[in-house]
Amino acid sequence: MIKVSVMYPASLGTRFDHDYYRDRHLPLIKSRMGPALKYYAIDRKLADGMAEIPATYVATCHLLCDSVQAYQSAYGPHAQEISGDIRNFTDRTPIVQISEVVVENSARGETEALRHSARSP
């Protein structure tokens, strides 16, 4: 499985419409990519632990697909439309990173393991 992370750098005065991003942009991506997009997550910035240090990114999204080929085949034909929509919610240029997912749902696995051990005599 791969994860495509799209990160929008934060800076003073950054324009970012989180409602549009959540309600229109990511559903647009999902509708265009179809079943190749297994699921997505959206992150919204918080301070980096200390209020005086701003977050690095105003928002990020993570698109999870089975492979780079599946992602490229589903996203590629719609890249221009999706990229053109960015101006509707931000004035920032995103940074994109494609990663291999090494561990997924590790907390769920631990919870399941604890649940099973609690049932054992």
PDB file of N, CA and C in Angstrom:
ATOM      1  N   MET A   1       0.850  -1.173   0.000  1.00  0.00           N
ATOM      2  CA  MET A   1       0.000   0.000   0.000  1.00  0.00           C
ATOM      3  C   MET A   1       0.893   1.234   0.000  1.00  0.00           C
ATOM      4  N   ILE A   2       0.420   2.284  -0.677  1.00  0.00           N
ATOM      5  CA  ILE A   2       1.163   3.544  -0.689  1.00  0.00           C
ATOM      6  C   ILE A   2       0.277   4.662  -0.149  1.00  0.00           C
ATOM      7  N   LYS A   3       0.954   5.706   0.320  1.00  0.00           N
ATOM      8  CA  LYS A   3       0.257   6.892   0.820  1.00  0.00           C
ATOM      9  C   LYS A   3       0.816   8.099   0.096  1.00  0.00           C
ATOM     10  N   VAL A   4      -0.080   8.883  -0.489  1.00  0.00           N
ATOM     11  CA  VAL A   4       0.299  10.140  -1.117  1.00  0.00           C
ATOM     12  C   VAL A   4      -0.069  11.236  -0.128  1.00  0.00           C
ATOM     13  N   SER A   5       0.939  11.924   0.395  1.00  0.00           N
ATOM     14  CA  SER A   5       0.710  13.011   1.348  1.00  0.00           C
ATOM     15  C   SER A   5       0.817  14.328   0.601  1.00  0.00           C
ATOM     16  N   VAL A   6      -0.213  15.146   0.728  1.00  0.00           N
ATOM     17  CA  VAL A   6      -0.240  16.461   0.087  1.00  0.00           C
ATOM     18  C   VAL A   6      -0.253  17.470   1.226  1.00  0.00           C
ATOM     19  N   MET A   7       0.832  18.255   1.331  1.00  0.00           N
ATOM     20  CA  MET A   7       1.041  19.127   2.484  1.00  0.00           C
ATOM     21  C   MET A   7       1.082  20.585   2.038  1.00  0.00           C
ATOM     22  N   TYR A   8       0.327  21.422   2.731  1.00  0.00           N
ATOM     23  CA  TYR A   8       0.236  22.842   2.411  1.00  0.00           C
ATOM     24  C   TYR A   8       0.996  23.633   3.466  1.00  0.00           C
ATOM     25  N   PRO A   9       2.163  24.193   3.104  1.00  0.00           N
ATOM     26  CA  PRO A   9       2.980  24.928   4.076  1.00  0.00           C
ATOM     27  C   PRO A   9       2.228  26.099   4.694  1.00  0.00           C
ATOM     28  N   ALA A  10       2.437  26.276   5.985  1.00  0.00           N
ATOM     29  CA  ALA A  10       1.827  27.386   6.717  1.00  0.00           C
ATOM     30  C   ALA A  10       2.792  28.565   6.734  1.00  0.00           C
ATOM     31  N   SER A  11       2.255  29.737   6.650  1.00  0.00           N
ATOM     32  CA  SER A  11       3.026  30.958   6.849  1.00  0.00           C
ATOM     33  C   SER A  11       2.051  32.050   7.247  1.00  0.00           C
ATOM     34  N   LEU A  12       2.575  33.131   7.761  1.00  0.00           N
ATOM     35  CA  LEU A  12       1.742  34.243   8.185  1.00  0.00           C
ATOM     36  C   LEU A  12       0.897  34.722   7.011  1.00  0.00           C
ATOM     37  N   GLY A  13      -0.408  34.782   7.201  1.00  0.00           N
ATOM     38  CA  GLY A  13      -1.305  35.271   6.167  1.00  0.00           C
ATOM     39  C   GLY A  13      -1.745  34.240   5.150  1.00  0.00           C
ATOM     40  N   THR A  14      -1.414  32.966   5.367  1.00  0.00           N
ATOM     41  CA  THR A  14      -1.846  31.918   4.446  1.00  0.00           C
ATOM     42  C   THR A  14      -3.373  31.869   4.387  1.00  0.00           C
ATOM     43  N   ARG A  15      -3.903  31.811   3.175  1.00  0.00           N
ATOM     44  CA  ARG A  15      -5.351  31.643   2.991  1.00  0.00           C
ATOM     45  C   ARG A  15      -5.613  30.153   2.790  1.00  0.00           C
ATOM     46  N   PHE A  16      -6.488  29.610   3.618  1.00  0.00           N
ATOM     47  CA  PHE A  16      -6.844  28.201   3.487  1.00  0.00           C
ATOM     48  C   PHE A  16      -8.259  28.010   3.999  1.00  0.00           C
ATOM     49  N   ASP A  17      -9.154  27.586   3.122  1.00  0.00           N
ATOM     50  CA  ASP A  17     -10.555  27.360   3.468  1.00  0.00           C
ATOM     51  C   ASP A  17     -10.729  25.873   3.789  1.00  0.00           C
ATOM     52  N   HIS A  18     -10.681  25.557   5.079  1.00  0.00           N
ATOM     53  CA  HIS A  18     -10.755  24.161   5.511  1.00  0.00           C
ATOM     54  C   HIS A  18     -12.101  23.518   5.165  1.00  0.00           C
ATOM     55  N   ASP A  19     -13.174  24.292   5.225  1.00  0.00           N
ATOM     56  CA  ASP A  19     -14.495  23.744   4.896  1.00  0.00           C
ATOM     57  C   ASP A  19     -14.555  23.328   3.428  1.00  0.00           C
ATOM     58  N   TYR A  20     -14.059  24.177   2.539  1.00  0.00           N
ATOM     59  CA  TYR A  20     -14.047  23.837   1.114  1.00  0.00           C
ATOM     60  C   TYR A  20     -13.184  22.605   0.882  1.00  0.00           C
ATOM     61  N   TYR A  21     -12.029  22.567   1.516  1.00  0.00           N
ATOM     62  CA  TYR A  21     -11.100  21.448   1.363  1.00  0.00           C
ATOM     63  C   TYR A  21     -11.777  20.129   1.750  1.00  0.00           C
ATOM     64  N   ARG A  22     -12.443  20.151   2.905  1.00  0.00           N
ATOM     65  CA  ARG A  22     -13.111  18.949   3.427  1.00  0.00           C
ATOM     66  C   ARG A  22     -14.356  18.582   2.625  1.00  0.00           C
ATOM     67  N   ASP A  23     -15.186  19.587   2.320  1.00  0.00           N
ATOM     68  CA  ASP A  23     -16.505  19.322   1.748  1.00  0.00           C
ATOM     69  C   ASP A  23     -16.542  19.253   0.226  1.00  0.00           C
ATOM     70  N   ARG A  24     -15.526  19.824  -0.449  1.00  0.00           N
ATOM     71  CA  ARG A  24     -15.580  19.861  -1.908  1.00  0.00           C
ATOM     72  C   ARG A  24     -14.345  19.266  -2.570  1.00  0.00           C
ATOM     73  N   HIS A  25     -13.135  19.684  -2.109  1.00  0.00           N
ATOM     74  CA  HIS A  25     -11.923  19.262  -2.813  1.00  0.00           C
ATOM     75  C   HIS A  25     -11.649  17.768  -2.654  1.00  0.00           C
ATOM     76  N   LEU A  26     -11.639  17.273  -1.432  1.00  0.00           N
ATOM     77  CA  LEU A  26     -11.353  15.844  -1.241  1.00  0.00           C
ATOM     78  C   LEU A  26     -12.464  14.962  -1.807  1.00  0.00           C
ATOM     79  N   PRO A  27     -13.742  15.329  -1.680  1.00  0.00           N
ATOM     80  CA  PRO A  27     -14.770  14.547  -2.376  1.00  0.00           C
ATOM     81  C   PRO A  27     -14.593  14.567  -3.901  1.00  0.00           C
ATOM     82  N   LEU A  28     -14.087  15.659  -4.458  1.00  0.00           N
ATOM     83  CA  LEU A  28     -13.789  15.710  -5.893  1.00  0.00           C
ATOM     84  C   LEU A  28     -12.728  14.662  -6.235  1.00  0.00           C
ATOM     85  N   ILE A  29     -11.661  14.628  -5.448  1.00  0.00           N
ATOM     86  CA  ILE A  29     -10.597  13.645  -5.674  1.00  0.00           C
ATOM     87  C   ILE A  29     -11.166  12.229  -5.576  1.00  0.00           C
ATOM     88  N   LYS A  30     -11.944  11.964  -4.541  1.00  0.00           N
ATOM     89  CA  LYS A  30     -12.522  10.627  -4.350  1.00  0.00           C
ATOM     90  C   LYS A  30     -13.411  10.250  -5.533  1.00  0.00           C
ATOM     91  N   SER A  31     -14.234  11.187  -5.996  1.00  0.00           N
ATOM     92  CA  SER A  31     -15.134  10.862  -7.107  1.00  0.00           C
ATOM     93  C   SER A  31     -14.364  10.588  -8.397  1.00  0.00           C
ATOM     94  N   ARG A  32     -13.264  11.283  -8.616  1.00  0.00           N
ATOM     95  CA  ARG A  32     -12.482  11.080  -9.837  1.00  0.00           C
ATOM     96  C   ARG A  32     -11.635   9.807  -9.772  1.00  0.00           C
ATOM     97  N   MET A  33     -11.082   9.512  -8.612  1.00  0.00           N
ATOM     98  CA  MET A  33     -10.210   8.342  -8.485  1.00  0.00           C
ATOM     99  C   MET A  33     -10.985   7.041  -8.318  1.00  0.00           C
ATOM    100  N   GLY A  34     -12.213   7.133  -7.848  1.00  0.00           N
ATOM    101  CA  GLY A  34     -13.034   5.940  -7.690  1.00  0.00           C
ATOM    102  C   GLY A  34     -12.429   4.932  -6.727  1.00  0.00           C
ATOM    103  N   PRO A  35     -12.604   3.645  -7.022  1.00  0.00           N
ATOM    104  CA  PRO A  35     -12.165   2.599  -6.095  1.00  0.00           C
ATOM    105  C   PRO A  35     -10.638   2.490  -5.935  1.00  0.00           C
ATOM    106  N   ALA A  36      -9.863   3.150  -6.791  1.00  0.00           N
ATOM    107  CA  ALA A  36      -8.400   3.131  -6.631  1.00  0.00           C
ATOM    108  C   ALA A  36      -7.982   3.855  -5.349  1.00  0.00           C
ATOM    109  N   LEU A  37      -8.802   4.811  -4.918  1.00  0.00           N
ATOM    110  CA  LEU A  37      -8.535   5.517  -3.667  1.00  0.00           C
ATOM    111  C   LEU A  37      -9.230   4.751  -2.547  1.00  0.00           C
ATOM    112  N   LYS A  38      -8.446   4.006  -1.783  1.00  0.00           N
ATOM    113  CA  LYS A  38      -9.003   3.160  -0.719  1.00  0.00           C
ATOM    114  C   LYS A  38      -9.647   4.010   0.365  1.00  0.00           C
ATOM    115  N   TYR A  39      -8.933   5.023   0.810  1.00  0.00           N
ATOM    116  CA  TYR A  39      -9.482   5.990   1.754  1.00  0.00           C
ATOM    117  C   TYR A  39      -8.541   7.173   1.838  1.00  0.00           C
ATOM    118  N   TYR A  40      -9.047   8.236   2.470  1.00  0.00           N
ATOM    119  CA  TYR A  40      -8.213   9.414   2.662  1.00  0.00           C
ATOM    120  C   TYR A  40      -8.414   9.955   4.067  1.00  0.00           C
ATOM    121  N   ALA A  41      -7.449  10.755   4.492  1.00  0.00           N
ATOM    122  CA  ALA A  41      -7.519  11.435   5.786  1.00  0.00           C
ATOM    123  C   ALA A  41      -7.091  12.877   5.572  1.00  0.00           C
ATOM    124  N   ILE A  42      -7.676  13.770   6.354  1.00  0.00           N
ATOM    125  CA  ILE A  42      -7.327  15.181   6.301  1.00  0.00           C
ATOM    126  C   ILE A  42      -6.834  15.572   7.683  1.00  0.00           C
ATOM    127  N   ASP A  43      -5.714  16.301   7.714  1.00  0.00           N
ATOM    128  CA  ASP A  43      -5.164  16.831   8.961  1.00  0.00           C
ATOM    129  C   ASP A  43      -5.247  18.349   8.923  1.00  0.00           C
ATOM    130  N   ARG A  44      -5.614  18.943  10.056  1.00  0.00           N
ATOM    131  CA  ARG A  44      -5.666  20.399  10.186  1.00  0.00           C
ATOM    132  C   ARG A  44      -4.662  20.803  11.246  1.00  0.00           C
ATOM    133  N   LYS A  45      -3.939  21.870  10.997  1.00  0.00           N
ATOM    134  CA  LYS A  45      -2.830  22.247  11.887  1.00  0.00           C
ATOM    135  C   LYS A  45      -3.270  22.572  13.300  1.00  0.00           C
ATOM    136  N   LEU A  46      -2.395  22.266  14.212  1.00  0.00           N
ATOM    137  CA  LEU A  46      -2.414  22.728  15.586  1.00  0.00           C
ATOM    138  C   LEU A  46      -1.011  23.246  15.854  1.00  0.00           C
ATOM    139  N   ALA A  47      -0.808  23.942  16.935  1.00  0.00           N
ATOM    140  CA  ALA A  47       0.540  24.386  17.288  1.00  0.00           C
ATOM    141  C   ALA A  47       1.415  23.168  17.549  1.00  0.00           C
ATOM    142  N   ASP A  48       2.692  23.309  17.337  1.00  0.00           N
ATOM    143  CA  ASP A  48       3.643  22.209  17.499  1.00  0.00           C
ATOM    144  C   ASP A  48       3.983  21.916  18.958  1.00  0.00           C
ATOM    145  N   GLY A  49       3.002  21.813  19.817  1.00  0.00           N
ATOM    146  CA  GLY A  49       3.257  21.474  21.219  1.00  0.00           C
ATOM    147  C   GLY A  49       3.461  22.695  22.088  1.00  0.00           C
ATOM    148  N   MET A  50       4.106  23.735  21.568  1.00  0.00           N
ATOM    149  CA  MET A  50       4.277  24.981  22.303  1.00  0.00           C
ATOM    150  C   MET A  50       3.613  26.070  21.471  1.00  0.00           C
ATOM    151  N   ALA A  51       2.756  26.839  22.089  1.00  0.00           N
ATOM    152  CA  ALA A  51       1.932  27.829  21.380  1.00  0.00           C
ATOM    153  C   ALA A  51       2.758  28.817  20.561  1.00  0.00           C
ATOM    154  N   GLU A  52       3.978  29.110  20.965  1.00  0.00           N
ATOM    155  CA  GLU A  52       4.768  30.106  20.240  1.00  0.00           C
ATOM    156  C   GLU A  52       5.403  29.554  18.957  1.00  0.00           C
ATOM    157  N   ILE A  53       5.351  28.244  18.752  1.00  0.00           N
ATOM    158  CA  ILE A  53       5.911  27.647  17.543  1.00  0.00           C
ATOM    159  C   ILE A  53       4.762  27.282  16.609  1.00  0.00           C
ATOM    160  N   PRO A  54       4.679  27.927  15.455  1.00  0.00           N
ATOM    161  CA  PRO A  54       3.583  27.614  14.533  1.00  0.00           C
ATOM    162  C   PRO A  54       3.769  26.246  13.875  1.00  0.00           C
ATOM    163  N   ALA A  55       2.666  25.682  13.432  1.00  0.00           N
ATOM    164  CA  ALA A  55       2.730  24.399  12.733  1.00  0.00           C
ATOM    165  C   ALA A  55       3.418  24.587  11.387  1.00  0.00           C
ATOM    166  N   THR A  56       4.055  23.548  10.893  1.00  0.00           N
ATOM    167  CA  THR A  56       4.749  23.588   9.604  1.00  0.00           C
ATOM    168  C   THR A  56       3.767  23.638   8.452  1.00  0.00           C
ATOM    169  N   TYR A  57       2.658  22.916   8.568  1.00  0.00           N
ATOM    170  CA  TYR A  57       1.670  22.838   7.498  1.00  0.00           C
ATOM    171  C   TYR A  57       0.311  23.294   8.013  1.00  0.00           C
ATOM    172  N   VAL A  58      -0.401  24.065   7.193  1.00  0.00           N
ATOM    173  CA  VAL A  58      -1.739  24.522   7.551  1.00  0.00           C
ATOM    174  C   VAL A  58      -2.727  23.367   7.425  1.00  0.00           C
ATOM    175  N   ALA A  59      -2.469  22.453   6.490  1.00  0.00           N
ATOM    176  CA  ALA A  59      -3.308  21.273   6.299  1.00  0.00           C
ATOM    177  C   ALA A  59      -2.529  20.243   5.493  1.00  0.00           C
ATOM    178  N   THR A  60      -2.916  18.994   5.670  1.00  0.00           N
ATOM    179  CA  THR A  60      -2.374  17.908   4.850  1.00  0.00           C
ATOM    180  C   THR A  60      -3.513  16.936   4.557  1.00  0.00           C
ATOM    181  N   CYS A  61      -3.361  16.204   3.470  1.00  0.00           N
ATOM    182  CA  CYS A  61      -4.262  15.082   3.240  1.00  0.00           C
ATOM    183  C   CYS A  61      -3.408  13.890   2.862  1.00  0.00           C
ATOM    184  N   HIS A  62      -3.940  12.734   3.097  1.00  0.00           N
ATOM    185  CA  HIS A  62      -3.245  11.489   2.807  1.00  0.00           C
ATOM    186  C   HIS A  62      -4.191  10.614   1.996  1.00  0.00           C
ATOM    187  N   LEU A  63      -3.746  10.238   0.819  1.00  0.00           N
ATOM    188  CA  LEU A  63      -4.526   9.390  -0.082  1.00  0.00           C
ATOM    189  C   LEU A  63      -3.900   8.008  -0.057  1.00  0.00           C
ATOM    190  N   LEU A  64      -4.664   6.988   0.249  1.00  0.00           N
ATOM    191  CA  LEU A  64      -4.121   5.635   0.320  1.00  0.00           C
ATOM    192  C   LEU A  64      -4.625   4.789  -0.837  1.00  0.00           C
ATOM    193  N   CYS A  65      -3.666   4.189  -1.539  1.00  0.00           N
ATOM    194  CA  CYS A  65      -3.943   3.360  -2.717  1.00  0.00           C
ATOM    195  C   CYS A  65      -3.115   2.085  -2.615  1.00  0.00           C
ATOM    196  N   ASP A  66      -3.493   1.087  -3.408  1.00  0.00           N
ATOM    197  CA  ASP A  66      -2.766  -0.181  -3.387  1.00  0.00           C
ATOM    198  C   ASP A  66      -1.336  -0.064  -3.909  1.00  0.00           C
ATOM    199  N   SER A  67      -1.118   0.801  -4.908  1.00  0.00           N
ATOM    200  CA  SER A  67       0.212   0.902  -5.507  1.00  0.00           C
ATOM    201  C   SER A  67       0.376   2.274  -6.170  1.00  0.00           C
ATOM    202  N   VAL A  68       1.605   2.608  -6.505  1.00  0.00           N
ATOM    203  CA  VAL A  68       1.875   3.842  -7.236  1.00  0.00           C
ATOM    204  C   VAL A  68       1.172   3.790  -8.587  1.00  0.00           C
ATOM    205  N   GLN A  69       1.203   2.650  -9.238  1.00  0.00           N
ATOM    206  CA  GLN A  69       0.550   2.499 -10.537  1.00  0.00           C
ATOM    207  C   GLN A  69      -0.962   2.743 -10.421  1.00  0.00           C
ATOM    208  N   ALA A  70      -1.591   2.196  -9.390  1.00  0.00           N
ATOM    209  CA  ALA A  70      -3.033   2.404  -9.187  1.00  0.00           C
ATOM    210  C   ALA A  70      -3.326   3.887  -8.975  1.00  0.00           C
ATOM    211  N   TYR A  71      -2.484   4.547  -8.179  1.00  0.00           N
ATOM    212  CA  TYR A  71      -2.648   5.984  -7.940  1.00  0.00           C
ATOM    213  C   TYR A  71      -2.505   6.773  -9.243  1.00  0.00           C
ATOM    214  N   GLN A  72      -1.420   6.533  -9.963  1.00  0.00           N
ATOM    215  CA  GLN A  72      -1.168   7.285 -11.189  1.00  0.00           C
ATOM    216  C   GLN A  72      -2.252   7.050 -12.234  1.00  0.00           C
ATOM    217  N   SER A  73      -2.720   5.830 -12.365  1.00  0.00           N
ATOM    218  CA  SER A  73      -3.761   5.517 -13.349  1.00  0.00           C
ATOM    219  C   SER A  73      -5.083   6.208 -13.019  1.00  0.00           C
ATOM    220  N   ALA A  74      -5.399   6.319 -11.735  1.00  0.00           N
ATOM    221  CA  ALA A  74      -6.666   6.919 -11.330  1.00  0.00           C
ATOM    222  C   ALA A  74      -6.596   8.442 -11.225  1.00  0.00           C
ATOM    223  N   TYR A  75      -5.471   8.957 -10.754  1.00  0.00           N
ATOM    224  CA  TYR A  75      -5.325  10.400 -10.545  1.00  0.00           C
ATOM    225  C   TYR A  75      -4.918  11.122 -11.827  1.00  0.00           C
ATOM    226  N   GLY A  76      -4.014  10.529 -12.572  1.00  0.00           N
ATOM    227  CA  GLY A  76      -3.426  11.173 -13.753  1.00  0.00           C
ATOM    228  C   GLY A  76      -4.422  11.795 -14.719  1.00  0.00           C
ATOM    229  N   PRO A  77      -5.464  11.080 -15.136  1.00  0.00           N
ATOM    230  CA  PRO A  77      -6.411  11.654 -16.096  1.00  0.00           C
ATOM    231  C   PRO A  77      -7.169  12.876 -15.560  1.00  0.00           C
ATOM    232  N   HIS A  78      -7.161  13.072 -14.237  1.00  0.00           N
ATOM    233  CA  HIS A  78      -7.906  14.163 -13.614  1.00  0.00           C
ATOM    234  C   HIS A  78      -6.988  15.190 -12.943  1.00  0.00           C
ATOM    235  N   ALA A  79      -5.682  15.038 -13.117  1.00  0.00           N
ATOM    236  CA  ALA A  79      -4.712  15.894 -12.429  1.00  0.00           C
ATOM    237  C   ALA A  79      -4.934  17.372 -12.708  1.00  0.00           C
ATOM    238  N   GLN A  80      -5.193  17.724 -13.944  1.00  0.00           N
ATOM    239  CA  GLN A  80      -5.374  19.136 -14.298  1.00  0.00           C
ATOM    240  C   GLN A  80      -6.621  19.712 -13.610  1.00  0.00           C
ATOM    241  N   GLU A  81      -7.712  18.977 -13.621  1.00  0.00           N
ATOM    242  CA  GLU A  81      -8.938  19.444 -12.958  1.00  0.00           C
ATOM    243  C   GLU A  81      -8.726  19.595 -11.456  1.00  0.00           C
ATOM    244  N   ILE A  82      -8.109  18.597 -10.845  1.00  0.00           N
ATOM    245  CA  ILE A  82      -7.894  18.624  -9.396  1.00  0.00           C
ATOM    246  C   ILE A  82      -6.933  19.742  -9.022  1.00  0.00           C
ATOM    247  N   SER A  83      -5.848  19.885  -9.755  1.00  0.00           N
ATOM    248  CA  SER A  83      -4.887  20.966  -9.483  1.00  0.00           C
ATOM    249  C   SER A  83      -5.525  22.332  -9.684  1.00  0.00           C
ATOM    250  N   GLY A  84      -6.385  22.452 -10.674  1.00  0.00           N
ATOM    251  CA  GLY A  84      -7.067  23.715 -10.927  1.00  0.00           C
ATOM    252  C   GLY A  84      -7.998  24.130  -9.808  1.00  0.00           C
ATOM    253  N   ASP A  85      -8.460  23.175  -9.024  1.00  0.00           N
ATOM    254  CA  ASP A  85      -9.368  23.463  -7.917  1.00  0.00           C
ATOM    255  C   ASP A  85      -8.638  24.025  -6.702  1.00  0.00           C
ATOM    256  N   ILE A  86      -7.335  23.867  -6.623  1.00  0.00           N
ATOM    257  CA  ILE A  86      -6.556  24.309  -5.458  1.00  0.00           C
ATOM    258  C   ILE A  86      -6.773  25.795  -5.188  1.00  0.00           C
ATOM    259  N   ARG A  87      -6.819  26.608  -6.226  1.00  0.00           N
ATOM    260  CA  ARG A  87      -6.976  28.061  -6.035  1.00  0.00           C
ATOM    261  C   ARG A  87      -8.291  28.422  -5.338  1.00  0.00           C
ATOM    262  N   ASN A  88      -9.252  27.496  -5.320  1.00  0.00           N
ATOM    263  CA  ASN A  88     -10.530  27.758  -4.662  1.00  0.00           C
ATOM    264  C   ASN A  88     -10.455  27.687  -3.135  1.00  0.00           C
ATOM    265  N   PHE A  89      -9.373  27.132  -2.600  1.00  0.00           N
ATOM    266  CA  PHE A  89      -9.296  27.037  -1.139  1.00  0.00           C
ATOM    267  C   PHE A  89      -7.990  27.525  -0.532  1.00  0.00           C
ATOM    268  N   THR A  90      -6.954  27.782  -1.355  1.00  0.00           N
ATOM    269  CA  THR A  90      -5.699  28.254  -0.775  1.00  0.00           C
ATOM    270  C   THR A  90      -4.869  29.027  -1.788  1.00  0.00           C
ATOM    271  N   ASP A  91      -3.921  29.785  -1.243  1.00  0.00           N
ATOM    272  CA  ASP A  91      -2.952  30.491  -2.073  1.00  0.00           C
ATOM    273  C   ASP A  91      -1.573  29.828  -1.979  1.00  0.00           C
ATOM    274  N   ARG A  92      -1.512  28.649  -1.381  1.00  0.00           N
ATOM    275  CA  ARG A  92      -0.248  27.932  -1.200  1.00  0.00           C
ATOM    276  C   ARG A  92      -0.093  26.833  -2.249  1.00  0.00           C
ATOM    277  N   THR A  93       1.143  26.528  -2.582  1.00  0.00           N
ATOM    278  CA  THR A  93       1.466  25.417  -3.478  1.00  0.00           C
ATOM    279  C   THR A  93       1.797  24.213  -2.605  1.00  0.00           C
ATOM    280  N   PRO A  94       1.121  23.087  -2.812  1.00  0.00           N
ATOM    281  CA  PRO A  94       1.361  21.933  -1.943  1.00  0.00           C
ATOM    282  C   PRO A  94       2.692  21.226  -2.251  1.00  0.00           C
ATOM    283  N   ILE A  95       3.163  20.547  -1.240  1.00  0.00           N
ATOM    284  CA  ILE A  95       4.303  19.642  -1.344  1.00  0.00           C
ATOM    285  C   ILE A  95       3.712  18.238  -1.352  1.00  0.00           C
ATOM    286  N   VAL A  96       4.137  17.405  -2.284  1.00  0.00           N
ATOM    287  CA  VAL A  96       3.589  16.054  -2.411  1.00  0.00           C
ATOM    288  C   VAL A  96       4.684  15.033  -2.147  1.00  0.00           C
ATOM    289  N   GLN A  97       4.360  14.042  -1.350  1.00  0.00           N
ATOM    290  CA  GLN A  97       5.291  12.943  -1.080  1.00  0.00           C
ATOM    291  C   GLN A  97       4.544  11.628  -1.210  1.00  0.00           C
ATOM    292  N   ILE A  98       5.137  10.677  -1.916  1.00  0.00           N
ATOM    293  CA  ILE A  98       4.572   9.333  -2.018  1.00  0.00           C
ATOM    294  C   ILE A  98       5.430   8.413  -1.153  1.00  0.00           C
ATOM    295  N   SER A  99       4.766   7.686  -0.267  1.00  0.00           N
ATOM    296  CA  SER A  99       5.461   6.817   0.684  1.00  0.00           C
ATOM    297  C   SER A  99       4.881   5.414   0.638  1.00  0.00           C
ATOM    298  N   GLU A 100       5.710   4.459   0.983  1.00  0.00           N
ATOM    299  CA  GLU A 100       5.234   3.097   1.192  1.00  0.00           C
ATOM    300  C   GLU A 100       4.699   3.013   2.621  1.00  0.00           C
ATOM    301  N   VAL A 101       3.519   2.458   2.790  1.00  0.00           N
ATOM    302  CA  VAL A 101       2.955   2.287   4.125  1.00  0.00           C
ATOM    303  C   VAL A 101       3.568   1.020   4.711  1.00  0.00           C
ATOM    304  N   VAL A 102       4.293   1.174   5.797  1.00  0.00           N
ATOM    305  CA  VAL A 102       4.982   0.051   6.421  1.00  0.00           C
ATOM    306  C   VAL A 102       4.108  -0.588   7.492  1.00  0.00           C
ATOM    307  N   VAL A 103       3.407   0.224   8.269  1.00  0.00           N
ATOM    308  CA  VAL A 103       2.495  -0.259   9.303  1.00  0.00           C
ATOM    309  C   VAL A 103       1.191   0.499   9.133  1.00  0.00           C
ATOM    310  N   GLU A 104       0.084  -0.224   9.176  1.00  0.00           N
ATOM    311  CA  GLU A 104      -1.230   0.388   9.093  1.00  0.00           C
ATOM    312  C   GLU A 104      -2.083  -0.171  10.224  1.00  0.00           C
ATOM    313  N   ASN A 105      -2.820   0.689  10.903  1.00  0.00           N
ATOM    314  CA  ASN A 105      -3.716   0.286  11.977  1.00  0.00           C
ATOM    315  C   ASN A 105      -2.994  -0.430  13.115  1.00  0.00           C
ATOM    316  N   SER A 106      -1.807   0.039  13.464  1.00  0.00           N
ATOM    317  CA  SER A 106      -1.064  -0.627  14.527  1.00  0.00           C
ATOM    318  C   SER A 106      -1.805  -0.541  15.860  1.00  0.00           C
ATOM    319  N   ALA A 107      -2.483   0.576  16.133  1.00  0.00           N
ATOM    320  CA  ALA A 107      -3.228   0.702  17.391  1.00  0.00           C
ATOM    321  C   ALA A 107      -4.399  -0.271  17.413  1.00  0.00           C
ATOM    322  N   ARG A 108      -5.074  -0.431  16.288  1.00  0.00           N
ATOM    323  CA  ARG A 108      -6.198  -1.368  16.217  1.00  0.00           C
ATOM    324  C   ARG A 108      -5.695  -2.782  16.483  1.00  0.00           C
ATOM    325  N   GLY A 109      -4.554  -3.126  15.921  1.00  0.00           N
ATOM    326  CA  GLY A 109      -3.995  -4.452  16.134  1.00  0.00           C
ATOM    327  C   GLY A 109      -3.694  -4.703  17.601  1.00  0.00           C
ATOM    328  N   GLU A 110      -3.155  -3.685  18.283  1.00  0.00           N
ATOM    329  CA  GLU A 110      -2.881  -3.831  19.710  1.00  0.00           C
ATOM    330  C   GLU A 110      -4.181  -3.972  20.492  1.00  0.00           C
ATOM    331  N   THR A 111      -5.190  -3.210  20.133  1.00  0.00           N
ATOM    332  CA  THR A 111      -6.478  -3.295  20.802  1.00  0.00           C
ATOM    333  C   THR A 111      -7.078  -4.679  20.613  1.00  0.00           C
ATOM    334  N   GLU A 112      -7.021  -5.197  19.390  1.00  0.00           N
ATOM    335  CA  GLU A 112      -7.541  -6.538  19.113  1.00  0.00           C
ATOM    336  C   GLU A 112      -6.783  -7.584  19.933  1.00  0.00           C
ATOM    337  N   ALA A 113      -5.452  -7.439  19.989  1.00  0.00           N
ATOM    338  CA  ALA A 113      -4.649  -8.398  20.748  1.00  0.00           C
ATOM    339  C   ALA A 113      -5.028  -8.357  22.226  1.00  0.00           C
ATOM    340  N   LEU A 114      -5.241  -7.142  22.763  1.00  0.00           N
ATOM    341  CA  LEU A 114      -5.629  -7.016  24.167  1.00  0.00           C
ATOM    342  C   LEU A 114      -7.016  -7.619  24.400  1.00  0.00           C
ATOM    343  N   ARG A 115      -7.926  -7.393  23.481  1.00  0.00           N
ATOM    344  CA  ARG A 115      -9.286  -7.922  23.598  1.00  0.00           C
ATOM    345  C   ARG A 115      -9.249  -9.446  23.611  1.00  0.00           C
ATOM    346  N   HIS A 116      -8.440 -10.031  22.727  1.00  0.00           N
ATOM    347  CA  HIS A 116      -8.352 -11.511  22.663  1.00  0.00           C
ATOM    348  C   HIS A 116      -7.693 -12.065  23.926  1.00  0.00           C
ATOM    349  N   SER A 117      -6.669 -11.398  24.424  1.00  0.00           N
ATOM    350  CA  SER A 117      -5.995 -11.908  25.634  1.00  0.00           C
ATOM    351  C   SER A 117      -6.894 -11.790  26.851  1.00  0.00           C
ATOM    352  N   ALA A 118      -7.797 -10.791  26.875  1.00  0.00           N
ATOM    353  CA  ALA A 118      -8.726 -10.639  27.993  1.00  0.00           C
ATOM    354  C   ALA A 118      -9.745 -11.775  28.031  1.00  0.00           C
ATOM    355  N   ARG A 119     -10.042 -12.353  26.865  1.00  0.00           N
ATOM    356  CA  ARG A 119     -11.004 -13.470  26.786  1.00  0.00           C
ATOM    357  C   ARG A 119     -10.368 -14.799  27.177  1.00  0.00           C
ATOM    358  N   SER A 120      -9.052 -14.875  27.029  1.00  0.00           N
ATOM    359  CA  SER A 120      -8.365 -16.131  27.310  1.00  0.00           C
ATOM    360  C   SER A 120      -8.310 -16.388  28.809  1.00  0.00           C
ATOM    361  N   PRO A 121      -8.453 -17.652  29.221  1.00  0.00           N
ATOM    362  CA  PRO A 121      -8.397 -17.969  30.665  1.00  0.00           C
ATOM    363  C   PRO A 121      -7.005 -17.859  31.227  1.00  0.00           C
TER     364      PRO A 121
END
